[in-house]
Amino acid sequence: MVRRHRFIADGWGWELPGGLVDEDEEPSEAALREVEDTTGYRPERLEHLITFRPLAETVDCQQVVFVSRQPERIGEATAASAGIEWVPLASVPGFIDAGQIWQAVTLVALLRLLTMDGQAAG
């Protein structure tokens, strides 16, 4: 996970790597690029986790979320953050309860992983 400050909310929180899909880029390509830029790791494979619209009544903003598997260190992170940390999936509910995970995409993705009945690796 990545620790970031969000200026509009004026708060710090733990988030999953993510970003925008560039023109002529597939969401899976953007996910690979964002993971590499943000963490310095390259996943061996990506799996689609969920697609949703967090504010369907006000913004057309589709979120496509992937799970990266078997990451390999390829270098240093190039995107700005206040820290990168491996967080066990079992620790996620405590982070949420403590208000350390509050960004919508991260919440939806992690809650989805937690409810996959053993399909997700911790």
PDB file of N, CA and C in Angstrom:
ATOM      1  N   MET A   1       0.843  -1.173   0.000  1.00  0.00           N
ATOM      2  CA  MET A   1       0.000   0.000   0.000  1.00  0.00           C
ATOM      3  C   MET A   1       0.889   1.236   0.000  1.00  0.00           C
ATOM      4  N   VAL A   2       0.299   2.334  -0.371  1.00  0.00           N
ATOM      5  CA  VAL A   2       1.017   3.597  -0.509  1.00  0.00           C
ATOM      6  C   VAL A   2       0.386   4.608   0.437  1.00  0.00           C
ATOM      7  N   ARG A   3       1.204   5.311   1.190  1.00  0.00           N
ATOM      8  CA  ARG A   3       0.694   6.356   2.091  1.00  0.00           C
ATOM      9  C   ARG A   3       0.725   7.675   1.330  1.00  0.00           C
ATOM     10  N   ARG A   4      -0.449   8.325   1.259  1.00  0.00           N
ATOM     11  CA  ARG A   4      -0.565   9.566   0.488  1.00  0.00           C
ATOM     12  C   ARG A   4      -1.386  10.603   1.235  1.00  0.00           C
ATOM     13  N   HIS A   5      -1.075  11.853   0.942  1.00  0.00           N
ATOM     14  CA  HIS A   5      -1.875  12.976   1.429  1.00  0.00           C
ATOM     15  C   HIS A   5      -2.800  13.420   0.308  1.00  0.00           C
ATOM     16  N   ARG A   6      -4.074  13.547   0.633  1.00  0.00           N
ATOM     17  CA  ARG A   6      -5.054  14.043  -0.336  1.00  0.00           C
ATOM     18  C   ARG A   6      -5.450  15.445   0.088  1.00  0.00           C
ATOM     19  N   PHE A   7      -5.137  16.418  -0.784  1.00  0.00           N
ATOM     20  CA  PHE A   7      -5.272  17.821  -0.423  1.00  0.00           C
ATOM     21  C   PHE A   7      -6.713  18.272  -0.233  1.00  0.00           C
ATOM     22  N   ILE A   8      -7.635  17.822  -1.072  1.00  0.00           N
ATOM     23  CA  ILE A   8      -9.019  18.264  -0.940  1.00  0.00           C
ATOM     24  C   ILE A   8      -9.598  17.800   0.401  1.00  0.00           C
ATOM     25  N   ALA A   9      -9.322  16.563   0.775  1.00  0.00           N
ATOM     26  CA  ALA A   9      -9.789  16.039   2.061  1.00  0.00           C
ATOM     27  C   ALA A   9      -8.853  16.441   3.196  1.00  0.00           C
ATOM     28  N   ASP A  10      -7.680  16.972   2.852  1.00  0.00           N
ATOM     29  CA  ASP A  10      -6.638  17.351   3.813  1.00  0.00           C
ATOM     30  C   ASP A  10      -6.381  16.229   4.815  1.00  0.00           C
ATOM     31  N   GLY A  11      -6.110  15.049   4.268  1.00  0.00           N
ATOM     32  CA  GLY A  11      -5.852  13.918   5.138  1.00  0.00           C
ATOM     33  C   GLY A  11      -4.876  12.930   4.536  1.00  0.00           C
ATOM     34  N   TRP A  12      -4.225  12.180   5.421  1.00  0.00           N
ATOM     35  CA  TRP A  12      -3.307  11.113   5.040  1.00  0.00           C
ATOM     36  C   TRP A  12      -4.023   9.779   5.143  1.00  0.00           C
ATOM     37  N   GLY A  13      -3.694   8.880   4.245  1.00  0.00           N
ATOM     38  CA  GLY A  13      -4.271   7.550   4.307  1.00  0.00           C
ATOM     39  C   GLY A  13      -3.469   6.568   3.480  1.00  0.00           C
ATOM     40  N   TRP A  14      -3.752   5.301   3.714  1.00  0.00           N
ATOM     41  CA  TRP A  14      -3.142   4.228   2.936  1.00  0.00           C
ATOM     42  C   TRP A  14      -4.046   3.920   1.753  1.00  0.00           C
ATOM     43  N   GLU A  15      -3.444   3.792   0.579  1.00  0.00           N
ATOM     44  CA  GLU A  15      -4.181   3.524  -0.655  1.00  0.00           C
ATOM     45  C   GLU A  15      -3.461   2.460  -1.456  1.00  0.00           C
ATOM     46  N   LEU A  16      -4.192   1.890  -2.388  1.00  0.00           N
ATOM     47  CA  LEU A  16      -3.578   1.006  -3.368  1.00  0.00           C
ATOM     48  C   LEU A  16      -3.037   1.864  -4.505  1.00  0.00           C
ATOM     49  N   PRO A  17      -1.988   1.423  -5.182  1.00  0.00           N
ATOM     50  CA  PRO A  17      -1.496   2.186  -6.340  1.00  0.00           C
ATOM     51  C   PRO A  17      -2.602   2.328  -7.383  1.00  0.00           C
ATOM     52  N   GLY A  18      -2.654   3.455  -8.026  1.00  0.00           N
ATOM     53  CA  GLY A  18      -3.667   3.665  -9.051  1.00  0.00           C
ATOM     54  C   GLY A  18      -3.457   4.973  -9.772  1.00  0.00           C
ATOM     55  N   GLY A  19      -4.203   5.164 -10.822  1.00  0.00           N
ATOM     56  CA  GLY A  19      -4.102   6.396 -11.586  1.00  0.00           C
ATOM     57  C   GLY A  19      -5.003   6.350 -12.800  1.00  0.00           C
ATOM     58  N   LEU A  20      -4.792   7.299 -13.677  1.00  0.00           N
ATOM     59  CA  LEU A  20      -5.625   7.444 -14.862  1.00  0.00           C
ATOM     60  C   LEU A  20      -5.164   6.531 -15.998  1.00  0.00           C
ATOM     61  N   VAL A  21      -6.112   6.158 -16.835  1.00  0.00           N
ATOM     62  CA  VAL A  21      -5.818   5.400 -18.044  1.00  0.00           C
ATOM     63  C   VAL A  21      -5.551   6.412 -19.151  1.00  0.00           C
ATOM     64  N   ASP A  22      -4.388   6.335 -19.768  1.00  0.00           N
ATOM     65  CA  ASP A  22      -4.035   7.248 -20.851  1.00  0.00           C
ATOM     66  C   ASP A  22      -4.821   6.913 -22.114  1.00  0.00           C
ATOM     67  N   GLU A  23      -4.915   7.896 -23.006  1.00  0.00           N
ATOM     68  CA  GLU A  23      -5.583   7.671 -24.285  1.00  0.00           C
ATOM     69  C   GLU A  23      -4.889   6.529 -25.030  1.00  0.00           C
ATOM     70  N   ASP A  24      -5.661   5.675 -25.670  1.00  0.00           N
ATOM     71  CA  ASP A  24      -5.152   4.510 -26.405  1.00  0.00           C
ATOM     72  C   ASP A  24      -4.436   3.496 -25.513  1.00  0.00           C
ATOM     73  N   GLU A  25      -4.792   3.451 -24.238  1.00  0.00           N
ATOM     74  CA  GLU A  25      -4.204   2.507 -23.297  1.00  0.00           C
ATOM     75  C   GLU A  25      -5.342   1.675 -22.695  1.00  0.00           C
ATOM     76  N   GLU A  26      -5.112   0.403 -22.532  1.00  0.00           N
ATOM     77  CA  GLU A  26      -6.084  -0.470 -21.881  1.00  0.00           C
ATOM     78  C   GLU A  26      -5.972  -0.297 -20.365  1.00  0.00           C
ATOM     79  N   PRO A  27      -7.064  -0.491 -19.628  1.00  0.00           N
ATOM     80  CA  PRO A  27      -6.982  -0.384 -18.174  1.00  0.00           C
ATOM     81  C   PRO A  27      -5.912  -1.287 -17.552  1.00  0.00           C
ATOM     82  N   SER A  28      -5.745  -2.495 -18.075  1.00  0.00           N
ATOM     83  CA  SER A  28      -4.716  -3.388 -17.530  1.00  0.00           C
ATOM     84  C   SER A  28      -3.308  -2.846 -17.756  1.00  0.00           C
ATOM     85  N   GLU A  29      -3.077  -2.194 -18.896  1.00  0.00           N
ATOM     86  CA  GLU A  29      -1.771  -1.567 -19.161  1.00  0.00           C
ATOM     87  C   GLU A  29      -1.519  -0.417 -18.193  1.00  0.00           C
ATOM     88  N   ALA A  30      -2.558   0.374 -17.943  1.00  0.00           N
ATOM     89  CA  ALA A  30      -2.429   1.476 -16.990  1.00  0.00           C
ATOM     90  C   ALA A  30      -2.142   0.940 -15.591  1.00  0.00           C
ATOM     91  N   ALA A  31      -2.808  -0.149 -15.218  1.00  0.00           N
ATOM     92  CA  ALA A  31      -2.581  -0.732 -13.898  1.00  0.00           C
ATOM     93  C   ALA A  31      -1.135  -1.185 -13.738  1.00  0.00           C
ATOM     94  N   LEU A  32      -0.588  -1.855 -14.748  1.00  0.00           N
ATOM     95  CA  LEU A  32       0.824  -2.272 -14.693  1.00  0.00           C
ATOM     96  C   LEU A  32       1.746  -1.066 -14.559  1.00  0.00           C
ATOM     97  N   ARG A  33       1.498  -0.045 -15.365  1.00  0.00           N
ATOM     98  CA  ARG A  33       2.331   1.165 -15.330  1.00  0.00           C
ATOM     99  C   ARG A  33       2.273   1.830 -13.958  1.00  0.00           C
ATOM    100  N   GLU A  34       1.070   1.950 -13.414  1.00  0.00           N
ATOM    101  CA  GLU A  34       0.914   2.610 -12.120  1.00  0.00           C
ATOM    102  C   GLU A  34       1.580   1.821 -10.990  1.00  0.00           C
ATOM    103  N   VAL A  35       1.447   0.498 -11.003  1.00  0.00           N
ATOM    104  CA  VAL A  35       2.109  -0.305  -9.972  1.00  0.00           C
ATOM    105  C   VAL A  35       3.619  -0.123 -10.053  1.00  0.00           C
ATOM    106  N   GLU A  36       4.174  -0.183 -11.251  1.00  0.00           N
ATOM    107  CA  GLU A  36       5.614  -0.018 -11.413  1.00  0.00           C
ATOM    108  C   GLU A  36       6.081   1.365 -10.972  1.00  0.00           C
ATOM    109  N   ASP A  37       5.389   2.413 -11.442  1.00  0.00           N
ATOM    110  CA  ASP A  37       5.784   3.784 -11.097  1.00  0.00           C
ATOM    111  C   ASP A  37       5.667   4.049  -9.601  1.00  0.00           C
ATOM    112  N   THR A  38       4.595   3.540  -8.992  1.00  0.00           N
ATOM    113  CA  THR A  38       4.295   3.855  -7.601  1.00  0.00           C
ATOM    114  C   THR A  38       5.094   3.030  -6.616  1.00  0.00           C
ATOM    115  N   THR A  39       5.429   1.786  -6.983  1.00  0.00           N
ATOM    116  CA  THR A  39       6.063   0.882  -6.017  1.00  0.00           C
ATOM    117  C   THR A  39       7.460   0.417  -6.386  1.00  0.00           C
ATOM    118  N   GLY A  40       7.807   0.443  -7.664  1.00  0.00           N
ATOM    119  CA  GLY A  40       9.080  -0.128  -8.089  1.00  0.00           C
ATOM    120  C   GLY A  40       9.015  -1.633  -8.280  1.00  0.00           C
ATOM    121  N   TYR A  41       7.812  -2.199  -8.275  1.00  0.00           N
ATOM    122  CA  TYR A  41       7.610  -3.627  -8.493  1.00  0.00           C
ATOM    123  C   TYR A  41       6.826  -3.841  -9.781  1.00  0.00           C
ATOM    124  N   ARG A  42       7.101  -4.971 -10.459  1.00  0.00           N
ATOM    125  CA  ARG A  42       6.343  -5.370 -11.650  1.00  0.00           C
ATOM    126  C   ARG A  42       5.646  -6.686 -11.334  1.00  0.00           C
ATOM    127  N   PRO A  43       4.312  -6.697 -11.403  1.00  0.00           N
ATOM    128  CA  PRO A  43       3.589  -7.947 -11.164  1.00  0.00           C
ATOM    129  C   PRO A  43       3.826  -8.940 -12.296  1.00  0.00           C
ATOM    130  N   GLU A  44       3.901 -10.215 -11.959  1.00  0.00           N
ATOM    131  CA  GLU A  44       3.999 -11.238 -12.997  1.00  0.00           C
ATOM    132  C   GLU A  44       2.683 -11.333 -13.768  1.00  0.00           C
ATOM    133  N   ARG A  45       1.572 -11.130 -13.037  1.00  0.00           N
ATOM    134  CA  ARG A  45       0.275 -11.141 -13.710  1.00  0.00           C
ATOM    135  C   ARG A  45      -0.707 -10.246 -12.965  1.00  0.00           C
ATOM    136  N   LEU A  46      -1.711  -9.806 -13.704  1.00  0.00           N
ATOM    137  CA  LEU A  46      -2.809  -9.019 -13.150  1.00  0.00           C
ATOM    138  C   LEU A  46      -4.105  -9.795 -13.327  1.00  0.00           C
ATOM    139  N   GLU A  47      -5.000  -9.661 -12.356  1.00  0.00           N
ATOM    140  CA  GLU A  47      -6.320 -10.273 -12.445  1.00  0.00           C
ATOM    141  C   GLU A  47      -7.357  -9.184 -12.208  1.00  0.00           C
ATOM    142  N   HIS A  48      -8.359  -9.117 -13.070  1.00  0.00           N
ATOM    143  CA  HIS A  48      -9.434  -8.154 -12.875  1.00  0.00           C
ATOM    144  C   HIS A  48     -10.152  -8.489 -11.574  1.00  0.00           C
ATOM    145  N   LEU A  49     -10.360  -7.494 -10.740  1.00  0.00           N
ATOM    146  CA  LEU A  49     -11.020  -7.688  -9.457  1.00  0.00           C
ATOM    147  C   LEU A  49     -12.462  -7.180  -9.479  1.00  0.00           C
ATOM    148  N   ILE A  50     -12.646  -5.942  -9.928  1.00  0.00           N
ATOM    149  CA  ILE A  50     -13.979  -5.341  -9.907  1.00  0.00           C
ATOM    150  C   ILE A  50     -13.986  -4.081 -10.761  1.00  0.00           C
ATOM    151  N   THR A  51     -15.136  -3.773 -11.336  1.00  0.00           N
ATOM    152  CA  THR A  51     -15.360  -2.518 -12.037  1.00  0.00           C
ATOM    153  C   THR A  51     -16.592  -1.887 -11.404  1.00  0.00           C
ATOM    154  N   PHE A  52     -16.503  -0.601 -11.056  1.00  0.00           N
ATOM    155  CA  PHE A  52     -17.630   0.071 -10.410  1.00  0.00           C
ATOM    156  C   PHE A  52     -17.571   1.570 -10.680  1.00  0.00           C
ATOM    157  N   ARG A  53     -18.667   2.237 -10.376  1.00  0.00           N
ATOM    158  CA  ARG A  53     -18.771   3.696 -10.504  1.00  0.00           C
ATOM    159  C   ARG A  53     -19.111   4.249  -9.119  1.00  0.00           C
ATOM    160  N   PRO A  54     -18.150   4.874  -8.435  1.00  0.00           N
ATOM    161  CA  PRO A  54     -18.378   5.298  -7.052  1.00  0.00           C
ATOM    162  C   PRO A  54     -19.355   6.461  -6.886  1.00  0.00           C
ATOM    163  N   LEU A  55     -19.523   7.287  -7.886  1.00  0.00           N
ATOM    164  CA  LEU A  55     -20.416   8.444  -7.789  1.00  0.00           C
ATOM    165  C   LEU A  55     -21.330   8.505  -8.997  1.00  0.00           C
ATOM    166  N   ALA A  56     -22.027   7.428  -9.266  1.00  0.00           N
ATOM    167  CA  ALA A  56     -22.810   7.317 -10.497  1.00  0.00           C
ATOM    168  C   ALA A  56     -23.848   8.423 -10.665  1.00  0.00           C
ATOM    169  N   GLU A  57     -24.323   8.987  -9.570  1.00  0.00           N
ATOM    170  CA  GLU A  57     -25.336  10.031  -9.683  1.00  0.00           C
ATOM    171  C   GLU A  57     -24.762  11.408 -10.017  1.00  0.00           C
ATOM    172  N   THR A  58     -23.455  11.577  -9.893  1.00  0.00           N
ATOM    173  CA  THR A  58     -22.879  12.905 -10.149  1.00  0.00           C
ATOM    174  C   THR A  58     -21.730  12.932 -11.153  1.00  0.00           C
ATOM    175  N   VAL A  59     -21.007  11.830 -11.295  1.00  0.00           N
ATOM    176  CA  VAL A  59     -19.816  11.808 -12.150  1.00  0.00           C
ATOM    177  C   VAL A  59     -19.750  10.480 -12.898  1.00  0.00           C
ATOM    178  N   ASP A  60     -19.448  10.531 -14.202  1.00  0.00           N
ATOM    179  CA  ASP A  60     -19.225   9.296 -14.952  1.00  0.00           C
ATOM    180  C   ASP A  60     -17.753   8.941 -14.813  1.00  0.00           C
ATOM    181  N   CYS A  61     -17.462   8.166 -13.825  1.00  0.00           N
ATOM    182  CA  CYS A  61     -16.079   7.894 -13.436  1.00  0.00           C
ATOM    183  C   CYS A  61     -15.937   6.405 -13.134  1.00  0.00           C
ATOM    184  N   GLN A  62     -15.801   5.606 -14.174  1.00  0.00           N
ATOM    185  CA  GLN A  62     -15.682   4.159 -13.989  1.00  0.00           C
ATOM    186  C   GLN A  62     -14.320   3.816 -13.402  1.00  0.00           C
ATOM    187  N   GLN A  63     -14.317   2.974 -12.396  1.00  0.00           N
ATOM    188  CA  GLN A  63     -13.094   2.496 -11.756  1.00  0.00           C
ATOM    189  C   GLN A  63     -12.909   1.024 -12.112  1.00  0.00           C
ATOM    190  N   VAL A  64     -11.762   0.687 -12.666  1.00  0.00           N
ATOM    191  CA  VAL A  64     -11.440  -0.697 -13.013  1.00  0.00           C
ATOM    192  C   VAL A  64     -10.272  -1.087 -12.122  1.00  0.00           C
ATOM    193  N   VAL A  65     -10.473  -2.120 -11.319  1.00  0.00           N
ATOM    194  CA  VAL A  65      -9.487  -2.494 -10.310  1.00  0.00           C
ATOM    195  C   VAL A  65      -8.945  -3.890 -10.615  1.00  0.00           C
ATOM    196  N   PHE A  66      -7.631  -4.019 -10.477  1.00  0.00           N
ATOM    197  CA  PHE A  66      -6.944  -5.280 -10.704  1.00  0.00           C
ATOM    198  C   PHE A  66      -6.183  -5.688  -9.447  1.00  0.00           C
ATOM    199  N   VAL A  67      -5.929  -6.973  -9.332  1.00  0.00           N
ATOM    200  CA  VAL A  67      -5.051  -7.512  -8.295  1.00  0.00           C
ATOM    201  C   VAL A  67      -3.764  -7.904  -8.989  1.00  0.00           C
ATOM    202  N   SER A  68      -2.650  -7.466  -8.432  1.00  0.00           N
ATOM    203  CA  SER A  68      -1.368  -7.876  -9.004  1.00  0.00           C
ATOM    204  C   SER A  68      -0.838  -9.059  -8.203  1.00  0.00           C
ATOM    205  N   ARG A  69      -0.242  -9.981  -8.915  1.00  0.00           N
ATOM    206  CA  ARG A  69       0.270 -11.211  -8.295  1.00  0.00           C
ATOM    207  C   ARG A  69       1.753 -11.371  -8.593  1.00  0.00           C
ATOM    208  N   GLN A  70       2.448 -11.953  -7.640  1.00  0.00           N
ATOM    209  CA  GLN A  70       3.862 -12.309  -7.758  1.00  0.00           C
ATOM    210  C   GLN A  70       4.715 -11.133  -8.251  1.00  0.00           C
ATOM    211  N   PRO A  71       4.791 -10.078  -7.452  1.00  0.00           N
ATOM    212  CA  PRO A  71       5.577  -8.911  -7.870  1.00  0.00           C
ATOM    213  C   PRO A  71       7.083  -9.178  -7.829  1.00  0.00           C
ATOM    214  N   GLU A  72       7.772  -8.560  -8.755  1.00  0.00           N
ATOM    215  CA  GLU A  72       9.235  -8.641  -8.828  1.00  0.00           C
ATOM    216  C   GLU A  72       9.795  -7.222  -8.742  1.00  0.00           C
ATOM    217  N   ARG A  73      10.775  -7.035  -7.897  1.00  0.00           N
ATOM    218  CA  ARG A  73      11.397  -5.708  -7.731  1.00  0.00           C
ATOM    219  C   ARG A  73      12.159  -5.360  -9.006  1.00  0.00           C
ATOM    220  N   ILE A  74      11.862  -4.186  -9.584  1.00  0.00           N
ATOM    221  CA  ILE A  74      12.538  -3.769 -10.815  1.00  0.00           C
ATOM    222  C   ILE A  74      13.310  -2.462 -10.639  1.00  0.00           C
ATOM    223  N   GLY A  75      13.170  -1.816  -9.491  1.00  0.00           N
ATOM    224  CA  GLY A  75      13.860  -0.548  -9.260  1.00  0.00           C
ATOM    225  C   GLY A  75      13.161   0.253  -8.189  1.00  0.00           C
ATOM    226  N   GLU A  76      13.463   1.542  -8.189  1.00  0.00           N
ATOM    227  CA  GLU A  76      12.867   2.443  -7.213  1.00  0.00           C
ATOM    228  C   GLU A  76      11.539   2.990  -7.730  1.00  0.00           C
ATOM    229  N   ALA A  77      10.664   3.320  -6.818  1.00  0.00           N
ATOM    230  CA  ALA A  77       9.407   3.972  -7.192  1.00  0.00           C
ATOM    231  C   ALA A  77       9.719   5.349  -7.752  1.00  0.00           C
ATOM    232  N   THR A  78       8.986   5.745  -8.794  1.00  0.00           N
ATOM    233  CA  THR A  78       9.205   7.060  -9.387  1.00  0.00           C
ATOM    234  C   THR A  78       8.090   8.039  -9.057  1.00  0.00           C
ATOM    235  N   ALA A  79       6.948   7.553  -8.573  1.00  0.00           N
ATOM    236  CA  ALA A  79       5.828   8.426  -8.205  1.00  0.00           C
ATOM    237  C   ALA A  79       5.988   8.855  -6.748  1.00  0.00           C
ATOM    238  N   ALA A  80       5.528  10.058  -6.441  1.00  0.00           N
ATOM    239  CA  ALA A  80       5.654  10.601  -5.094  1.00  0.00           C
ATOM    240  C   ALA A  80       4.682   9.932  -4.127  1.00  0.00           C
ATOM    241  N   SER A  81       5.182   9.580  -2.958  1.00  0.00           N
ATOM    242  CA  SER A  81       4.348   9.085  -1.863  1.00  0.00           C
ATOM    243  C   SER A  81       5.131   9.284  -0.576  1.00  0.00           C
ATOM    244  N   ALA A  82       4.474   9.086   0.539  1.00  0.00           N
ATOM    245  CA  ALA A  82       5.144   9.223   1.830  1.00  0.00           C
ATOM    246  C   ALA A  82       5.575   7.872   2.375  1.00  0.00           C
ATOM    247  N   GLY A  83       5.409   6.842   1.583  1.00  0.00           N
ATOM    248  CA  GLY A  83       5.839   5.521   2.018  1.00  0.00           C
ATOM    249  C   GLY A  83       5.099   4.418   1.300  1.00  0.00           C
ATOM    250  N   ILE A  84       5.777   3.294   1.173  1.00  0.00           N
ATOM    251  CA  ILE A  84       5.209   2.102   0.558  1.00  0.00           C
ATOM    252  C   ILE A  84       5.404   0.980   1.564  1.00  0.00           C
ATOM    253  N   GLU A  85       4.354   0.194   1.777  1.00  0.00           N
ATOM    254  CA  GLU A  85       4.445  -0.866   2.767  1.00  0.00           C
ATOM    255  C   GLU A  85       3.578  -2.046   2.349  1.00  0.00           C
ATOM    256  N   TRP A  86       4.101  -3.266   2.542  1.00  0.00           N
ATOM    257  CA  TRP A  86       3.283  -4.461   2.349  1.00  0.00           C
ATOM    258  C   TRP A  86       2.379  -4.581   3.566  1.00  0.00           C
ATOM    259  N   VAL A  87       1.088  -4.679   3.344  1.00  0.00           N
ATOM    260  CA  VAL A  87       0.113  -4.775   4.425  1.00  0.00           C
ATOM    261  C   VAL A  87      -0.635  -6.100   4.270  1.00  0.00           C
ATOM    262  N   PRO A  88      -0.559  -6.990   5.266  1.00  0.00           N
ATOM    263  CA  PRO A  88      -1.289  -8.251   5.169  1.00  0.00           C
ATOM    264  C   PRO A  88      -2.795  -7.991   5.056  1.00  0.00           C
ATOM    265  N   LEU A  89      -3.468  -8.752   4.234  1.00  0.00           N
ATOM    266  CA  LEU A  89      -4.900  -8.583   4.032  1.00  0.00           C
ATOM    267  C   LEU A  89      -5.662  -8.679   5.356  1.00  0.00           C
ATOM    268  N   ALA A  90      -5.192  -9.510   6.258  1.00  0.00           N
ATOM    269  CA  ALA A  90      -5.854  -9.658   7.561  1.00  0.00           C
ATOM    270  C   ALA A  90      -5.794  -8.379   8.393  1.00  0.00           C
ATOM    271  N   SER A  91      -4.868  -7.478   8.100  1.00  0.00           N
ATOM    272  CA  SER A  91      -4.738  -6.209   8.832  1.00  0.00           C
ATOM    273  C   SER A  91      -5.677  -5.126   8.317  1.00  0.00           C
ATOM    274  N   VAL A  92      -6.271  -5.342   7.157  1.00  0.00           N
ATOM    275  CA  VAL A  92      -7.094  -4.316   6.514  1.00  0.00           C
ATOM    276  C   VAL A  92      -8.267  -3.857   7.382  1.00  0.00           C
ATOM    277  N   PRO A  93      -9.059  -4.753   7.996  1.00  0.00           N
ATOM    278  CA  PRO A  93     -10.168  -4.257   8.816  1.00  0.00           C
ATOM    279  C   PRO A  93      -9.713  -3.313   9.932  1.00  0.00           C
ATOM    280  N   GLY A  94      -8.587  -3.582  10.548  1.00  0.00           N
ATOM    281  CA  GLY A  94      -8.059  -2.691  11.587  1.00  0.00           C
ATOM    282  C   GLY A  94      -7.664  -1.330  11.033  1.00  0.00           C
ATOM    283  N   PHE A  95      -7.061  -1.309   9.851  1.00  0.00           N
ATOM    284  CA  PHE A  95      -6.707  -0.045   9.202  1.00  0.00           C
ATOM    285  C   PHE A  95      -7.967   0.763   8.883  1.00  0.00           C
ATOM    286  N   ILE A  96      -9.015   0.070   8.412  1.00  0.00           N
ATOM    287  CA  ILE A  96     -10.274   0.758   8.103  1.00  0.00           C
ATOM    288  C   ILE A  96     -10.890   1.311   9.386  1.00  0.00           C
ATOM    289  N   ASP A  97     -10.954   0.482  10.433  1.00  0.00           N
ATOM    290  CA  ASP A  97     -11.529   0.921  11.708  1.00  0.00           C
ATOM    291  C   ASP A  97     -10.786   2.117  12.293  1.00  0.00           C
ATOM    292  N   ALA A  98      -9.477   2.169  12.076  1.00  0.00           N
ATOM    293  CA  ALA A  98      -8.661   3.266  12.598  1.00  0.00           C
ATOM    294  C   ALA A  98      -8.699   4.505  11.707  1.00  0.00           C
ATOM    295  N   GLY A  99      -9.437   4.433  10.599  1.00  0.00           N
ATOM    296  CA  GLY A  99      -9.517   5.579   9.691  1.00  0.00           C
ATOM    297  C   GLY A  99      -8.278   5.784   8.845  1.00  0.00           C
ATOM    298  N   GLN A 100      -7.443   4.761   8.722  1.00  0.00           N
ATOM    299  CA  GLN A 100      -6.215   4.879   7.938  1.00  0.00           C
ATOM    300  C   GLN A 100      -6.427   4.500   6.474  1.00  0.00           C
ATOM    301  N   ILE A 101      -7.512   3.821   6.175  1.00  0.00           N
ATOM    302  CA  ILE A 101      -7.914   3.526   4.798  1.00  0.00           C
ATOM    303  C   ILE A 101      -9.295   4.121   4.629  1.00  0.00           C
ATOM    304  N   TRP A 102      -9.410   5.139   3.770  1.00  0.00           N
ATOM    305  CA  TRP A 102     -10.694   5.816   3.596  1.00  0.00           C
ATOM    306  C   TRP A 102     -10.992   6.204   2.153  1.00  0.00           C
ATOM    307  N   GLN A 103     -10.073   6.007   1.263  1.00  0.00           N
ATOM    308  CA  GLN A 103     -10.267   6.349  -0.145  1.00  0.00           C
ATOM    309  C   GLN A 103     -11.159   5.285  -0.785  1.00  0.00           C
ATOM    310  N   ALA A 104     -12.166   5.701  -1.563  1.00  0.00           N
ATOM    311  CA  ALA A 104     -13.219   4.809  -2.044  1.00  0.00           C
ATOM    312  C   ALA A 104     -12.707   3.626  -2.856  1.00  0.00           C
ATOM    313  N   VAL A 105     -11.848   3.856  -3.822  1.00  0.00           N
ATOM    314  CA  VAL A 105     -11.378   2.749  -4.664  1.00  0.00           C
ATOM    315  C   VAL A 105     -10.641   1.720  -3.820  1.00  0.00           C
ATOM    316  N   THR A 106      -9.808   2.184  -2.907  1.00  0.00           N
ATOM    317  CA  THR A 106      -9.073   1.270  -2.039  1.00  0.00           C
ATOM    318  C   THR A 106     -10.027   0.485  -1.151  1.00  0.00           C
ATOM    319  N   LEU A 107     -11.007   1.159  -0.568  1.00  0.00           N
ATOM    320  CA  LEU A 107     -11.988   0.466   0.268  1.00  0.00           C
ATOM    321  C   LEU A 107     -12.738  -0.609  -0.505  1.00  0.00           C
ATOM    322  N   VAL A 108     -13.261  -0.261  -1.659  1.00  0.00           N
ATOM    323  CA  VAL A 108     -14.023  -1.230  -2.455  1.00  0.00           C
ATOM    324  C   VAL A 108     -13.145  -2.417  -2.831  1.00  0.00           C
ATOM    325  N   ALA A 109     -11.934  -2.145  -3.297  1.00  0.00           N
ATOM    326  CA  ALA A 109     -11.034  -3.220  -3.726  1.00  0.00           C
ATOM    327  C   ALA A 109     -10.672  -4.149  -2.571  1.00  0.00           C
ATOM    328  N   LEU A 110     -10.295  -3.587  -1.445  1.00  0.00           N
ATOM    329  CA  LEU A 110      -9.887  -4.423  -0.322  1.00  0.00           C
ATOM    330  C   LEU A 110     -11.064  -5.176   0.288  1.00  0.00           C
ATOM    331  N   LEU A 111     -12.214  -4.535   0.380  1.00  0.00           N
ATOM    332  CA  LEU A 111     -13.390  -5.242   0.889  1.00  0.00           C
ATOM    333  C   LEU A 111     -13.795  -6.368  -0.055  1.00  0.00           C
ATOM    334  N   ARG A 112     -13.650  -6.147  -1.355  1.00  0.00           N
ATOM    335  CA  ARG A 112     -13.925  -7.212  -2.332  1.00  0.00           C
ATOM    336  C   ARG A 112     -12.976  -8.390  -2.116  1.00  0.00           C
ATOM    337  N   LEU A 113     -11.692  -8.095  -1.950  1.00  0.00           N
ATOM    338  CA  LEU A 113     -10.720  -9.165  -1.695  1.00  0.00           C
ATOM    339  C   LEU A 113     -11.064  -9.945  -0.433  1.00  0.00           C
ATOM    340  N   LEU A 114     -11.464  -9.226   0.597  1.00  0.00           N
ATOM    341  CA  LEU A 114     -11.785  -9.878   1.867  1.00  0.00           C
ATOM    342  C   LEU A 114     -13.022 -10.767   1.788  1.00  0.00           C
ATOM    343  N   THR A 115     -13.873 -10.548   0.806  1.00  0.00           N
ATOM    344  CA  THR A 115     -15.111 -11.323   0.704  1.00  0.00           C
ATOM    345  C   THR A 115     -15.091 -12.363  -0.417  1.00  0.00           C
ATOM    346  N   MET A 116     -13.938 -12.667  -0.928  1.00  0.00           N
ATOM    347  CA  MET A 116     -13.843 -13.601  -2.055  1.00  0.00           C
ATOM    348  C   MET A 116     -13.755 -15.059  -1.621  1.00  0.00           C
ATOM    349  N   ASP A 117     -14.088 -15.372  -0.375  1.00  0.00           N
ATOM    350  CA  ASP A 117     -14.150 -16.758   0.102  1.00  0.00           C
ATOM    351  C   ASP A 117     -12.890 -17.568  -0.197  1.00  0.00           C
ATOM    352  N   GLY A 118     -11.746 -17.025   0.200  1.00  0.00           N
ATOM    353  CA  GLY A 118     -10.518 -17.768   0.047  1.00  0.00           C
ATOM    354  C   GLY A 118      -9.879 -17.713  -1.321  1.00  0.00           C
ATOM    355  N   GLN A 119     -10.482 -16.996  -2.261  1.00  0.00           N
ATOM    356  CA  GLN A 119      -9.909 -16.894  -3.611  1.00  0.00           C
ATOM    357  C   GLN A 119      -8.722 -15.941  -3.642  1.00  0.00           C
ATOM    358  N   ALA A 120      -8.630 -15.029  -2.691  1.00  0.00           N
ATOM    359  CA  ALA A 120      -7.555 -14.033  -2.696  1.00  0.00           C
ATOM    360  C   ALA A 120      -6.429 -14.473  -1.767  1.00  0.00           C
ATOM    361  N   ALA A 121      -5.222 -14.283  -2.242  1.00  0.00           N
ATOM    362  CA  ALA A 121      -4.063 -14.583  -1.409  1.00  0.00           C
ATOM    363  C   ALA A 121      -3.811 -13.411  -0.498  1.00  0.00           C
ATOM    364  N   GLY A 122      -3.457 -13.661   0.737  1.00  0.00           N
ATOM    365  CA  GLY A 122      -3.182 -12.595   1.697  1.00  0.00           C
ATOM    366  C   GLY A 122      -1.780 -12.188   1.584  1.00  0.00           C
TER     367      GLY A 122
END
